[in-house]
Structure formats: structure tokens, C-alpha cells
C-alpha atoms as a PDB file:
ATOM      1  CA  UNK A   1      15.290  28.460 -39.459  1.00  0.00           C
ATOM      2  CA  UNK A   2      18.608  26.537 -38.654  1.00  0.00           C
ATOM      3  CA  UNK A   3      18.802  25.352 -34.616  1.00  0.00           C
ATOM      4  CA  UNK A   4      21.844  23.917 -34.151  1.00  0.00           C
ATOM      5  CA  UNK A   5      24.355  26.207 -33.125  1.00  0.00           C
ATOM      6  CA  UNK A   6      28.158  25.919 -31.722  1.00  0.00           C
ATOM      7  CA  UNK A   7      29.882  27.531 -29.057  1.00  0.00           C
ATOM      8  CA  UNK A   8      33.769  27.220 -28.002  1.00  0.00           C
ATOM      9  CA  UNK A   9      35.132  28.631 -25.296  1.00  0.00           C
ATOM     10  CA  UNK A  10      38.345  28.323 -23.151  1.00  0.00           C
ATOM     11  CA  UNK A  11      39.850  27.258 -19.933  1.00  0.00           C
ATOM     12  CA  UNK A  12      41.950  30.662 -20.047  1.00  0.00           C
ATOM     13  CA  UNK A  13      39.065  32.692 -19.407  1.00  0.00           C
ATOM     14  CA  UNK A  14      38.264  33.951 -15.232  1.00  0.00           C
ATOM     15  CA  UNK A  15      34.108  34.199 -16.378  1.00  0.00           C
ATOM     16  CA  UNK A  16      32.156  31.244 -17.700  1.00  0.00           C
ATOM     17  CA  UNK A  17      30.206  33.301 -20.355  1.00  0.00           C
ATOM     18  CA  UNK A  18      28.339  29.998 -21.536  1.00  0.00           C
ATOM     19  CA  UNK A  19      25.610  30.381 -19.274  1.00  0.00           C
ATOM     20  CA  UNK A  20      24.983  33.984 -20.790  1.00  0.00           C
ATOM     21  CA  UNK A  21      24.666  32.514 -24.029  1.00  0.00           C
ATOM     22  CA  UNK A  22      22.023  30.246 -22.788  1.00  0.00           C
ATOM     23  CA  UNK A  23      19.789  33.121 -21.074  1.00  0.00           C
ATOM     24  CA  UNK A  24      19.950  35.001 -23.784  1.00  0.00           C
ATOM     25  CA  UNK A  25      18.941  32.537 -25.863  1.00  0.00           C
ATOM     26  CA  UNK A  26      15.782  31.533 -23.569  1.00  0.00           C
ATOM     27  CA  UNK A  27      15.301  35.392 -22.906  1.00  0.00           C
ATOM     28  CA  UNK A  28      14.539  35.627 -27.272  1.00  0.00           C
ATOM     29  CA  UNK A  29      12.162  32.162 -27.293  1.00  0.00           C
ATOM     30  CA  UNK A  30      15.133  30.538 -29.405  1.00  0.00           C
ATOM     31  CA  UNK A  31      15.902  26.860 -28.551  1.00  0.00           C
ATOM     32  CA  UNK A  32      18.681  25.232 -30.707  1.00  0.00           C
ATOM     33  CA  UNK A  33      20.631  22.417 -30.078  1.00  0.00           C
ATOM     34  CA  UNK A  34      23.739  23.791 -28.502  1.00  0.00           C
ATOM     35  CA  UNK A  35      26.827  21.713 -29.190  1.00  0.00           C
ATOM     36  CA  UNK A  36      29.822  22.960 -26.522  1.00  0.00           C
ATOM     37  CA  UNK A  37      33.364  22.773 -26.816  1.00  0.00           C
ATOM     38  CA  UNK A  38      35.928  24.124 -24.088  1.00  0.00           C
ATOM     39  CA  UNK A  39      39.726  24.427 -25.664  1.00  0.00           C
ATOM     40  CA  UNK A  40      42.601  25.730 -24.048  1.00  0.00           C
ATOM     41  CA  UNK A  41      42.862  29.214 -24.725  1.00  0.00           C
ATOM     42  CA  UNK A  42      41.778  30.984 -27.515  1.00  0.00           C
ATOM     43  CA  UNK A  43      44.454  30.354 -30.305  1.00  0.00           C
ATOM     44  CA  UNK A  44      42.549  26.730 -30.162  1.00  0.00           C
ATOM     45  CA  UNK A  45      39.112  28.056 -31.214  1.00  0.00           C
ATOM     46  CA  UNK A  46      39.285  28.544 -34.793  1.00  0.00           C
ATOM     47  CA  UNK A  47      39.564  25.207 -35.353  1.00  0.00           C
ATOM     48  CA  UNK A  48      37.022  23.714 -32.743  1.00  0.00           C
ATOM     49  CA  UNK A  49      34.863  26.538 -34.604  1.00  0.00           C
ATOM     50  CA  UNK A  50      35.386  24.692 -37.986  1.00  0.00           C
ATOM     51  CA  UNK A  51      35.046  21.382 -36.680  1.00  0.00           C
ATOM     52  CA  UNK A  52      31.146  22.274 -35.646  1.00  0.00           C
ATOM     53  CA  UNK A  53      30.931  23.980 -38.428  1.00  0.00           C
ATOM     54  CA  UNK A  54      31.977  21.069 -40.894  1.00  0.00           C
ATOM     55  CA  UNK A  55      31.398  18.026 -39.468  1.00  0.00           C
ATOM     56  CA  UNK A  56      28.786  18.751 -36.420  1.00  0.00           C
ATOM     57  CA  UNK A  57      26.845  20.727 -38.796  1.00  0.00           C
ATOM     58  CA  UNK A  58      26.111  23.912 -36.530  1.00  0.00           C
ATOM     59  CA  UNK A  59      24.458  26.742 -38.339  1.00  0.00           C
ATOM     60  CA  UNK A  60      26.084  29.504 -37.086  1.00  0.00           C
ATOM     61  CA  UNK A  61      29.572  29.182 -33.810  1.00  0.00           C
ATOM     62  CA  UNK A  62      30.140  31.325 -31.011  1.00  0.00           C
ATOM     63  CA  UNK A  63      33.517  31.866 -29.621  1.00  0.00           C
ATOM     64  CA  UNK A  64      33.773  32.862 -26.300  1.00  0.00           C
ATOM     65  CA  UNK A  65      37.455  33.658 -25.712  1.00  0.00           C
ATOM     66  CA  UNK A  66      39.721  36.011 -23.559  1.00  0.00           C
ATOM     67  CA  UNK A  67      42.973  37.931 -23.077  1.00  0.00           C
ATOM     68  CA  UNK A  68      44.975  39.454 -20.738  1.00  0.00           C
ATOM     69  CA  UNK A  69      45.893  43.100 -20.392  1.00  0.00           C
ATOM     70  CA  UNK A  70      49.559  42.771 -21.454  1.00  0.00           C
ATOM     71  CA  UNK A  71      50.980  42.543 -25.168  1.00  0.00           C
ATOM     72  CA  UNK A  72      51.645  38.976 -26.286  1.00  0.00           C
ATOM     73  CA  UNK A  73      47.750  38.697 -25.161  1.00  0.00           C
ATOM     74  CA  UNK A  74      46.521  41.056 -27.421  1.00  0.00           C
ATOM     75  CA  UNK A  75      48.982  39.396 -30.189  1.00  0.00           C
ATOM     76  CA  UNK A  76      47.025  35.880 -28.968  1.00  0.00           C
ATOM     77  CA  UNK A  77      43.902  37.437 -29.761  1.00  0.00           C
ATOM     78  CA  UNK A  78      44.495  38.521 -32.939  1.00  0.00           C
ATOM     79  CA  UNK A  79      45.995  35.511 -34.201  1.00  0.00           C
ATOM     80  CA  UNK A  80      42.753  34.064 -33.329  1.00  0.00           C
ATOM     81  CA  UNK A  81      40.936  36.479 -34.989  1.00  0.00           C
ATOM     82  CA  UNK A  82      42.631  35.906 -38.015  1.00  0.00           C
ATOM     83  CA  UNK A  83      41.969  31.759 -38.319  1.00  0.00           C
ATOM     84  CA  UNK A  84      38.323  33.104 -37.358  1.00  0.00           C
ATOM     85  CA  UNK A  85      38.141  34.854 -39.748  1.00  0.00           C
ATOM     86  CA  UNK A  86      39.405  31.792 -42.627  1.00  0.00           C
ATOM     87  CA  UNK A  87      36.946  29.776 -40.875  1.00  0.00           C
ATOM     88  CA  UNK A  88      34.067  32.188 -42.151  1.00  0.00           C
ATOM     89  CA  UNK A  89      35.285  32.871 -45.445  1.00  0.00           C
ATOM     90  CA  UNK A  90      36.071  28.466 -45.601  1.00  0.00           C
ATOM     91  CA  UNK A  91      32.733  27.593 -44.568  1.00  0.00           C
ATOM     92  CA  UNK A  92      31.165  30.505 -45.170  1.00  0.00           C
ATOM     93  CA  UNK A  93      29.084  30.476 -42.384  1.00  0.00           C
ATOM     94  CA  UNK A  94      29.309  33.275 -39.371  1.00  0.00           C
ATOM     95  CA  UNK A  95      31.206  32.707 -36.320  1.00  0.00           C
ATOM     96  CA  UNK A  96      30.681  35.749 -33.460  1.00  0.00           C
ATOM     97  CA  UNK A  97      34.133  36.404 -31.819  1.00  0.00           C
ATOM     98  CA  UNK A  98      33.325  37.044 -28.583  1.00  0.00           C
ATOM     99  CA  UNK A  99      36.572  38.530 -26.760  1.00  0.00           C
ATOM    100  CA  UNK A 100      36.916  40.375 -23.790  1.00  0.00           C
ATOM    101  CA  UNK A 101      40.663  41.680 -22.304  1.00  0.00           C
ATOM    102  CA  UNK A 102      41.009  41.782 -18.532  1.00  0.00           C
ATOM    103  CA  UNK A 103      42.450  45.311 -18.783  1.00  0.00           C
ATOM    104  CA  UNK A 104      38.821  47.026 -20.636  1.00  0.00           C
ATOM    105  CA  UNK A 105      37.810  47.593 -17.042  1.00  0.00           C
ATOM    106  CA  UNK A 106      39.012  48.533 -13.571  1.00  0.00           C
ATOM    107  CA  UNK A 107      37.733  45.057 -10.848  1.00  0.00           C
ATOM    108  CA  UNK A 108      36.207  42.351 -11.256  1.00  0.00           C
ATOM    109  CA  UNK A 109      33.558  43.185 -11.211  1.00  0.00           C
ATOM    110  CA  UNK A 110      33.302  45.318 -13.588  1.00  0.00           C
ATOM    111  CA  UNK A 111      34.696  42.543 -15.521  1.00  0.00           C
ATOM    112  CA  UNK A 112      32.020  40.327 -14.971  1.00  0.00           C
ATOM    113  CA  UNK A 113      29.312  42.376 -16.397  1.00  0.00           C
ATOM    114  CA  UNK A 114      31.756  43.081 -19.514  1.00  0.00           C
ATOM    115  CA  UNK A 115      31.920  39.106 -19.645  1.00  0.00           C
ATOM    116  CA  UNK A 116      28.377  38.936 -19.429  1.00  0.00           C
ATOM    117  CA  UNK A 117      26.922  41.621 -21.122  1.00  0.00           C
ATOM    118  CA  UNK A 118      29.093  41.100 -24.510  1.00  0.00           C
ATOM    119  CA  UNK A 119      28.479  37.620 -24.627  1.00  0.00           C
ATOM    120  CA  UNK A 120      24.794  38.019 -23.901  1.00  0.00           C
ATOM    121  CA  UNK A 121      23.670  40.406 -27.427  1.00  0.00           C
ATOM    122  CA  UNK A 122      26.414  38.899 -29.198  1.00  0.00           C
ATOM    123  CA  UNK A 123      24.356  35.844 -28.761  1.00  0.00           C
ATOM    124  CA  UNK A 124      21.040  37.462 -29.906  1.00  0.00           C
ATOM    125  CA  UNK A 125      22.994  39.002 -32.576  1.00  0.00           C
ATOM    126  CA  UNK A 126      23.564  35.384 -33.382  1.00  0.00           C
ATOM    127  CA  UNK A 127      20.130  34.428 -32.934  1.00  0.00           C
ATOM    128  CA  UNK A 128      19.313  37.739 -35.133  1.00  0.00           C
ATOM    129  CA  UNK A 129      21.709  37.078 -37.967  1.00  0.00           C
ATOM    130  CA  UNK A 130      19.590  34.230 -38.935  1.00  0.00           C
ATOM    131  CA  UNK A 131      16.724  34.593 -38.107  1.00  0.00           C
ATOM    132  CA  UNK A 132      15.691  38.371 -37.661  1.00  0.00           C
ATOM    133  CA  UNK A 133      18.153  40.178 -39.969  1.00  0.00           C
ATOM    134  CA  UNK A 134      15.836  43.098 -39.615  1.00  0.00           C
ATOM    135  CA  UNK A 135      16.852  43.646 -36.696  1.00  0.00           C
ATOM    136  CA  UNK A 136      20.797  43.803 -37.475  1.00  0.00           C
ATOM    137  CA  UNK A 137      19.545  46.542 -40.476  1.00  0.00           C
ATOM    138  CA  UNK A 138      17.442  48.709 -37.426  1.00  0.00           C
ATOM    139  CA  UNK A 139      20.361  49.211 -35.490  1.00  0.00           C
ATOM    140  CA  UNK A 140      22.744  49.682 -38.417  1.00  0.00           C
ATOM    141  CA  UNK A 141      24.594  53.350 -37.352  1.00  0.00           C
ATOM    142  CA  UNK A 142      23.591  53.711 -33.850  1.00  0.00           C
ATOM    143  CA  UNK A 143      26.901  53.083 -32.038  1.00  0.00           C
ATOM    144  CA  UNK A 144      25.775  49.758 -30.008  1.00  0.00           C
ATOM    145  CA  UNK A 145      27.739  48.112 -28.556  1.00  0.00           C
ATOM    146  CA  UNK A 146      28.324  44.831 -27.086  1.00  0.00           C
ATOM    147  CA  UNK A 147      30.138  44.656 -23.792  1.00  0.00           C
ATOM    148  CA  UNK A 148      30.601  48.250 -22.806  1.00  0.00           C
ATOM    149  CA  UNK A 149      28.245  51.178 -22.632  1.00  0.00           C
ATOM    150  CA  UNK A 150      26.772  51.959 -26.664  1.00  0.00           C
ATOM    151  CA  UNK A 151      28.539  55.090 -28.153  1.00  0.00           C
ATOM    152  CA  UNK A 152      25.444  56.400 -29.739  1.00  0.00           C
ATOM    153  CA  UNK A 153      25.050  57.838 -33.463  1.00  0.00           C
ATOM    154  CA  UNK A 154      26.208  61.172 -34.607  1.00  0.00           C
ATOM    155  CA  UNK A 155      24.264  63.831 -34.666  1.00  0.00           C
ATOM    156  CA  UNK A 156      25.140  66.094 -37.369  1.00  0.00           C
ATOM    157  CA  UNK A 157      22.844  68.749 -37.696  1.00  0.00           C
ATOM    158  CA  UNK A 158      21.911  69.346 -41.401  1.00  0.00           C
END
């Protein structure tokens, strides 16, 4: 299994999500080399992710970004996500895009919890993608979410 992971975070985010990634890796017993890069905002993340994959030799990258609650913020996040999709297609490697929007929850405490939960769970997903893909398969169709409460599986009587 590859043991070099890139993490790109932003100055714009109001919560430092990096420690949650480190904690998740520790909790699953994974000790990869982590290469962290911080950029101003979400639209800067794709090029940094590309550099981490191509120049630094990372096997996977997590991008930790935040969008505000205004329409322009959704546009900026969308543009960043499109760029990240391009990075994945160009490199053939995963970039786990961990985005939070300030208006997903009502207050700062809930927002902090959202950031923590989403970053932590996606860090575990990165580990599973590289080393235990069967863990993802076990959860297919179960309505699991990263960040907020799980939706749950739809039960249909047959």
C-alpha cells in the first residue's frame, strides 16, 4: 500500500480540519507520510492537488475546503470541484474533496462538528480506498454520509 498522502487546506476555512485527518489515520492504525499544503481558497486547491500527485508522488490527496453561504460561494466551490475532477482524470488517482458550506448548519458549534465529522470520515475513506476497498463495498447503498447524520438505506417491502 502506498504511504504518502497529500492534504490541501485553505486559509479561508474557519476550522482547521487537518488535525481530524491525522486523528483518523491514527485511529485506523495508518502512518503514511503526509505532505500538507495550504492555499488561499478553494479555487487554488486543484493545482496544488495536481502537484502533490505528480511532483510529490502522493498516492491520494484530500482537499479540505470551505465555501460560505452566498450564491457566489457555491459557484467558487463548483469551479474548484470541476478542477479537482480534472486532476483525477489526468492522474488516474483519487482526490477526496472534503468541502463544507457555512450554511449547512445553524451555529458555530454545529459547524465545527460538521467539519470534524466530514474530514475524519473522508480520511478513513482515503485509507479504505488504498488499503481496504472491501470496507467501502460493505457500505454500498446504505446511505452513509460524511458530515451530517446518515440517511440510511431505503427499505422496500418485497
